[in-house]
Amino acid sequence: MTKKTKIEKFTFPKSVPQRIISLVPSQTELVVDLGMRNQLVGCTKFCVHPNDLKKDTTIVGGTKNVHFNKIKALQPDLILCNKEENTLEMVVELQKIASVHVADVISFSDMYELISSYRNIFQKQEKADELILEIRSQFEKLKAIRLHKTPQKVAYFIWKNPWMVAANHTFIHSVLTELGFVNAFAHLERYPEINLEDLADVDWIFLSSEPFPFKRDDFSAFTNKRMKLEIVDGESFSWFGSRMKKNYAYYKAILERV
């Protein structure tokens, strides 16, 4: 990468894109839920929602390694990327093929802004506005559940060997905060490596199902009996967009348990 490498500013299309490629699983789900499934011609191997999507859509690679020849052959009008999932070098190369929209979502306000952007790009005003309203409404109900509960300090693990957690400036941190948890590593940035000795005052250990597929066998690494451990659904904590409206019952069960 050179200093001259940069992402071109996105220009909103004058007409609704008819051939879309999404390189971020949560954004793929959002595009489908906004009613643009028929226009989605390509996605990644990690785009698993809806679960029958791959039979109608060309798989163009992963989130950080794509087949540019496949993407070019699909003749897309628009390619959807994300700063968290996709590399700068990839985006610059994709801009030689088609218009690229790059999302940057680490907070709920960022998420609402992304949905609003898609509302304008795809001309799905009603669906997008309803989605934002429903997500806001559900989290207001969740706040009421935890209103009189003592805040619980949580360490949210995403990886082992080395041990890595979700810290500040991540969407996972924003979800934890919205649910009333205190992130034990909010003083750190992004996804730092930590020592298990740093967990002395933690109430809960959340072991995520992704990107590292934690299992109950991993509980043995945490010997402090005061801490409670839980395997949590990684999609529910890291997938922004329409996934957020599908998690209410799951979040409610967690809040009632802790």
Protein backbone atom coordinates (compact mmCIF):
# COMPACT_ATOMS: atom_id res chain seq x y z
CA MET A 1 0.00 0.00 0.00
CA THR A 2 1.29 3.48 -0.85
CA LYS A 3 0.32 6.83 0.62
CA LYS A 4 -1.54 7.58 -2.60
CA THR A 5 -3.82 4.58 -2.10
CA LYS A 6 -7.26 5.86 -1.17
CA ILE A 7 -10.94 5.09 -1.51
CA GLU A 8 -12.87 7.23 -3.95
CA LYS A 9 -15.81 9.15 -2.51
CA PHE A 10 -19.08 7.30 -3.04
CA THR A 11 -21.54 8.94 -5.41
CA PHE A 12 -25.19 7.99 -4.96
CA PRO A 13 -26.58 6.38 -8.13
CA LYS A 14 -29.29 8.19 -10.09
CA SER A 15 -31.24 4.95 -10.54
CA VAL A 16 -31.69 1.86 -8.37
CA PRO A 17 -28.77 -0.59 -8.84
CA GLN A 18 -29.95 -3.75 -10.58
CA ARG A 19 -26.84 -5.90 -10.13
CA ILE A 20 -25.46 -5.84 -6.58
CA ILE A 21 -22.53 -7.69 -5.00
CA SER A 22 -22.22 -7.70 -1.20
CA LEU A 23 -18.94 -8.64 0.47
CA VAL A 24 -20.18 -8.38 4.07
CA PRO A 25 -22.54 -11.04 5.51
CA SER A 26 -24.60 -8.69 7.70
CA GLN A 27 -24.99 -6.22 4.83
CA THR A 28 -26.04 -9.04 2.52
CA GLU A 29 -28.82 -9.95 4.94
CA LEU A 30 -29.83 -6.28 5.16
CA VAL A 31 -30.04 -5.95 1.36
CA VAL A 32 -32.28 -9.03 1.20
CA ASP A 33 -34.52 -7.82 4.03
CA LEU A 34 -34.94 -4.47 2.29
CA GLY A 35 -36.41 -6.33 -0.67
CA MET A 36 -33.40 -6.42 -3.02
CA ARG A 37 -32.76 -10.17 -3.17
CA ASN A 38 -33.47 -10.42 -6.90
CA GLN A 39 -30.84 -7.75 -7.57
CA LEU A 40 -28.16 -9.49 -5.49
CA VAL A 41 -25.95 -11.33 -8.02
CA GLY A 42 -22.89 -12.04 -5.85
CA CYS A 43 -21.87 -12.52 -2.20
CA THR A 44 -19.23 -14.19 -0.02
CA LYS A 45 -19.08 -17.76 1.23
CA PHE A 46 -19.84 -16.38 4.70
CA CYS A 47 -23.16 -14.84 3.64
CA VAL A 48 -25.36 -17.50 5.25
CA HIS A 49 -28.61 -15.57 5.77
CA PRO A 50 -31.03 -16.32 4.29
CA ASN A 51 -29.80 -19.93 4.28
CA ASP A 52 -30.90 -20.63 0.70
CA LEU A 53 -29.22 -17.55 -0.76
CA LYS A 54 -26.21 -19.34 -2.22
CA LYS A 55 -28.30 -21.40 -4.64
CA ASP A 56 -29.36 -18.22 -6.44
CA THR A 57 -26.22 -16.11 -6.01
CA THR A 58 -22.63 -16.46 -7.24
CA ILE A 59 -20.03 -16.91 -4.49
CA VAL A 60 -17.11 -14.58 -5.22
CA GLY A 61 -14.80 -15.55 -2.35
CA GLY A 62 -14.43 -14.53 1.28
CA THR A 63 -14.56 -11.14 2.95
CA LYS A 64 -10.83 -10.46 2.62
CA ASN A 65 -10.00 -12.53 -0.45
CA VAL A 66 -12.23 -12.32 -3.50
CA HIS A 67 -12.02 -13.49 -7.09
CA PHE A 68 -11.90 -10.24 -9.02
CA ASN A 69 -12.46 -12.05 -12.31
CA LYS A 70 -15.73 -13.50 -11.01
CA ILE A 71 -16.84 -10.10 -9.77
CA LYS A 72 -16.02 -8.44 -13.07
CA ALA A 73 -17.86 -11.17 -15.02
CA LEU A 74 -21.02 -10.48 -13.00
CA GLN A 75 -21.01 -6.88 -14.30
CA PRO A 76 -22.22 -5.32 -11.03
CA ASP A 77 -23.68 -1.83 -10.76
CA LEU A 78 -22.76 -1.64 -7.09
CA ILE A 79 -20.42 -3.45 -4.70
CA LEU A 80 -21.04 -3.25 -0.95
CA CYS A 81 -18.06 -3.34 1.43
CA ASN A 82 -17.17 -2.56 5.02
CA LYS A 83 -14.06 -1.15 6.71
CA GLU A 84 -14.09 -3.91 9.33
CA GLU A 85 -14.39 -6.87 6.95
CA ASN A 86 -12.71 -5.80 3.71
CA THR A 87 -9.20 -4.50 3.02
CA LEU A 88 -8.32 -1.12 1.56
CA GLU A 89 -6.39 -2.77 -1.27
CA MET A 90 -9.45 -4.85 -2.16
CA VAL A 91 -11.74 -1.83 -2.23
CA VAL A 92 -9.36 0.15 -4.45
CA GLU A 93 -9.22 -2.76 -6.92
CA LEU A 94 -13.02 -3.17 -6.85
CA GLN A 95 -13.47 0.49 -7.73
CA LYS A 96 -11.92 -0.30 -11.09
CA ILE A 97 -14.90 -2.60 -11.74
CA ALA A 98 -17.90 -0.75 -10.36
CA SER A 99 -19.13 1.80 -7.84
CA VAL A 100 -18.26 0.73 -4.28
CA HIS A 101 -20.09 1.74 -1.09
CA VAL A 102 -17.96 1.28 2.05
CA ALA A 103 -19.76 1.14 5.42
CA ASP A 104 -18.08 1.90 8.74
CA VAL A 105 -20.26 0.63 11.60
CA ILE A 106 -19.06 0.58 15.20
CA SER A 107 -22.12 2.12 16.90
CA PHE A 108 -25.90 2.04 16.70
CA SER A 109 -25.94 5.52 15.19
CA ASP A 110 -23.56 4.24 12.48
CA MET A 111 -25.94 1.35 11.86
CA TYR A 112 -28.97 3.62 11.54
CA GLU A 113 -26.98 5.82 9.17
CA LEU A 114 -26.11 2.79 7.02
CA ILE A 115 -29.75 1.69 6.84
CA SER A 116 -30.70 5.24 5.87
CA SER A 117 -28.04 5.22 3.14
CA TYR A 118 -29.42 1.96 1.75
CA ARG A 119 -32.91 3.46 1.95
CA ASN A 120 -31.77 6.15 -0.47
CA ILE A 121 -29.61 3.96 -2.70
CA PHE A 122 -32.28 1.29 -3.17
CA GLN A 123 -35.29 3.60 -2.82
CA LYS A 124 -36.73 1.51 0.00
CA GLN A 125 -37.95 4.33 2.23
CA GLU A 126 -40.82 2.49 3.91
CA LYS A 127 -38.95 -0.75 4.62
CA ALA A 128 -35.85 1.05 5.92
CA ASP A 129 -37.81 3.41 8.17
CA GLU A 130 -39.84 0.52 9.58
CA LEU A 131 -36.63 -1.42 10.30
CA ILE A 132 -35.02 1.47 12.19
CA LEU A 133 -38.20 2.04 14.18
CA GLU A 134 -38.49 -1.64 15.09
CA ILE A 135 -34.87 -1.92 16.24
CA ARG A 136 -35.19 1.21 18.38
CA SER A 137 -38.44 -0.07 19.89
CA GLN A 138 -36.99 -3.47 20.76
CA PHE A 139 -33.98 -2.00 22.53
CA GLU A 140 -36.21 0.33 24.53
CA LYS A 141 -38.06 -2.77 25.78
CA LEU A 142 -34.75 -4.44 26.60
CA LYS A 143 -33.66 -1.40 28.59
CA ALA A 144 -36.80 -1.75 30.70
CA ILE A 145 -35.89 -5.37 31.53
CA ARG A 146 -32.48 -4.41 32.93
CA LEU A 147 -33.59 -1.13 34.52
CA HIS A 148 -33.41 -2.36 38.12
CA LYS A 149 -30.61 -4.88 37.65
CA THR A 150 -27.08 -4.35 38.92
CA PRO A 151 -24.78 -3.75 35.92
CA GLN A 152 -22.69 -6.82 35.15
CA LYS A 153 -19.07 -6.55 34.02
CA VAL A 154 -18.46 -8.72 30.96
CA ALA A 155 -15.37 -9.88 29.08
CA TYR A 156 -16.35 -10.80 25.52
CA PHE A 157 -13.84 -13.19 23.93
CA ILE A 158 -13.52 -13.54 20.16
CA TRP A 159 -10.32 -15.66 19.97
CA LYS A 160 -7.97 -17.95 21.87
CA ASN A 161 -4.23 -18.58 21.48
CA PRO A 162 -3.82 -15.67 21.75
CA TRP A 163 -6.76 -14.65 23.92
CA MET A 164 -8.49 -11.67 22.30
CA VAL A 165 -11.52 -9.66 23.42
CA ALA A 166 -13.86 -7.09 21.94
CA ALA A 167 -12.96 -3.70 23.41
CA ASN A 168 -14.03 -0.11 22.68
CA HIS A 169 -14.76 1.13 19.16
CA THR A 170 -16.35 -2.13 18.03
CA PHE A 171 -19.97 -2.91 17.27
CA ILE A 172 -19.83 -5.72 19.84
CA HIS A 173 -18.98 -3.14 22.50
CA SER A 174 -21.96 -1.04 21.40
CA VAL A 175 -24.32 -4.02 21.69
CA LEU A 176 -23.01 -4.86 25.16
CA THR A 177 -23.50 -1.24 26.22
CA GLU A 178 -27.02 -1.06 24.77
CA LEU A 179 -27.91 -4.18 26.75
CA GLY A 180 -26.69 -2.60 29.96
CA PHE A 181 -23.46 -4.56 30.39
CA VAL A 182 -20.15 -3.00 31.39
CA ASN A 183 -17.38 -4.03 29.02
CA ALA A 184 -14.42 -5.03 31.19
CA PHE A 185 -12.06 -3.88 28.44
CA ALA A 186 -13.75 -0.65 27.42
CA HIS A 187 -10.49 1.17 28.26
CA LEU A 188 -8.78 -0.64 25.35
CA GLU A 189 -9.30 -0.33 21.60
CA ARG A 190 -10.72 -2.75 19.03
CA TYR A 191 -9.63 -6.41 19.56
CA PRO A 192 -6.65 -6.50 21.93
CA GLU A 193 -4.77 -9.52 23.21
CA ILE A 194 -5.18 -9.90 26.96
CA ASN A 195 -3.95 -12.06 29.81
CA LEU A 196 -6.45 -14.20 31.69
CA GLU A 197 -4.98 -12.78 34.89
CA ASP A 198 -6.72 -9.49 33.98
CA LEU A 199 -10.17 -10.98 34.69
CA ALA A 200 -10.15 -10.64 38.49
CA ASP A 201 -13.18 -8.35 38.77
CA VAL A 202 -15.24 -9.73 35.87
CA ASP A 203 -18.76 -11.06 36.53
CA TRP A 204 -19.37 -12.85 33.23
CA ILE A 205 -17.23 -14.40 30.51
CA PHE A 206 -18.91 -14.40 27.10
CA LEU A 207 -17.25 -16.81 24.65
CA SER A 208 -18.41 -16.04 21.14
CA SER A 209 -19.41 -18.65 18.57
CA GLU A 210 -17.49 -16.67 15.94
CA PRO A 211 -14.95 -15.89 14.59
CA PHE A 212 -13.39 -18.49 16.91
CA PRO A 213 -15.88 -21.32 17.51
CA PHE A 214 -15.68 -21.54 21.29
CA LYS A 215 -17.09 -24.67 22.93
CA ARG A 216 -17.88 -25.63 26.53
CA ASP A 217 -14.50 -27.40 26.68
CA ASP A 218 -12.93 -23.94 26.68
CA PHE A 219 -14.50 -23.19 30.07
CA SER A 220 -11.61 -25.06 31.73
CA ALA A 221 -9.27 -22.15 30.96
CA PHE A 222 -11.17 -19.95 33.42
CA THR A 223 -10.47 -21.19 36.91
CA ASN A 224 -12.02 -18.35 38.91
CA LYS A 225 -15.25 -19.94 40.16
CA ARG A 226 -16.83 -16.54 40.87
CA MET A 227 -17.06 -15.79 37.19
CA LYS A 228 -19.99 -17.16 35.22
CA LEU A 229 -19.45 -18.38 31.69
CA GLU A 230 -21.69 -18.35 28.66
CA ILE A 231 -21.32 -19.39 25.02
CA VAL A 232 -22.97 -16.55 23.08
CA ASP A 233 -24.15 -16.33 19.49
CA GLY A 234 -21.57 -14.24 17.66
CA GLU A 235 -24.01 -13.14 14.97
CA SER A 236 -26.29 -11.61 17.59
CA PHE A 237 -23.49 -9.43 18.91
CA SER A 238 -21.52 -8.54 15.77
CA TRP A 239 -23.97 -8.52 12.84
CA PHE A 240 -25.47 -5.06 12.45
CA GLY A 241 -28.47 -4.16 10.31
CA SER A 242 -31.64 -6.22 10.06
CA ARG A 243 -30.07 -8.97 12.22
CA MET A 244 -30.63 -6.61 15.18
CA LYS A 245 -34.41 -6.85 14.88
CA LYS A 246 -34.29 -10.67 14.99
CA ASN A 247 -32.46 -10.96 18.31
CA TYR A 248 -35.05 -9.67 20.79
CA ALA A 249 -36.01 -13.03 22.30
CA TYR A 250 -32.35 -14.06 22.52
CA TYR A 251 -31.27 -10.84 24.25
CA LYS A 252 -34.27 -11.00 26.57
CA ALA A 253 -33.34 -14.50 27.68
CA ILE A 254 -29.75 -13.42 28.39
CA LEU A 255 -30.83 -10.35 30.39
CA GLU A 256 -33.27 -12.38 32.45
CA ARG A 257 -30.59 -14.97 33.16
CA VAL A 258 -27.88 -12.54 34.29
